[in-house]
Amino acid sequence: MNRFVAAALAVTVAACGKSGSPAPAAGGASPEAAALAPTGPAFVSAATTLRREATDAPRVKGPTGKDVGNALAVLQRGERVTLVEARDDWARVRSSDDREGWLKRAALLEGDGISEATVLAPADVFDRPDLLAANAKRKIEAGTLLLVVKARPPFSEVNVSSGPNAWVLTDRLATGDKEVSVAKLAEKARYLKRSGKEDEAKQILALAREHFAGVPLVDAVAAELEGTAPGGEVVPAGGTMPGQER
């Protein structure tokens, strides 16, 4: 009798293996749900448009079938998002207000362990984590929002908006909440200024002065944005490197 039971079980297992139903994903979730599950945190590395659909088209079909604007919002450099799905050159993300949409993957810095920092004074740049690789033509200006990718003491590799990553001496980095917050507001003000929205940029600067009075970095950023900072060849915060096109 036991042989008959075993044979019946074998037939049942074989039949299940031949069925078209996919095996359940880990944790009991369906493959479709697993494919859409959040894959991890990420940072926006350059100001970019969050879109309804993964296309540059200005208008797309809305839920009712009528054309609607494709743009949902502009995400600023330094905004933390959750990567939900990746599709070729596009990524579906969830923003801080739980809104989901698509953005160009090139504007996303993915991976665990990324942190935020800034510098309180112009910092030297190195092409490699070696003192002999100092780049005399580049500096990172005070108040630049940096995304720290990895550390190799005494250096840290940082993302500096446009252009390649740079290496800086770790002890030059400021990671305090207030200093990083000022750098984030400065990043937004620079974006507005580049977009020709001078008045809005001044409002962001006023916000920094109001909420972070006493933080020395505020004065350095204000001098830069108001055009009173001394000239020099530095890595533009939120802009392009010298010699590169916008």
Foldseek 3Di string as FASTA:
>chain_A
DVVVVVVVVVVVVVVVVPDPDDDADPPRHRPVVVQQAFPFKKWQLAWWFFFADPDPDQWDQDPVRDIDGGTDDIDHGGFMWTFGHDDVQKTWIQGPVRDIGITGCVRIGDDPPKAKWFFQAWFWWAADPDPVRTDPLETAGGLFIWIFDADDPQWTWTRQRADDITITGVVRIGRDPLSNVSSRLLRVLVVCVVVVNNVVSVVSLVVNCVPPPPDSSSVRSCCVSVVNDDDDQYQDRSDYHPPDDD
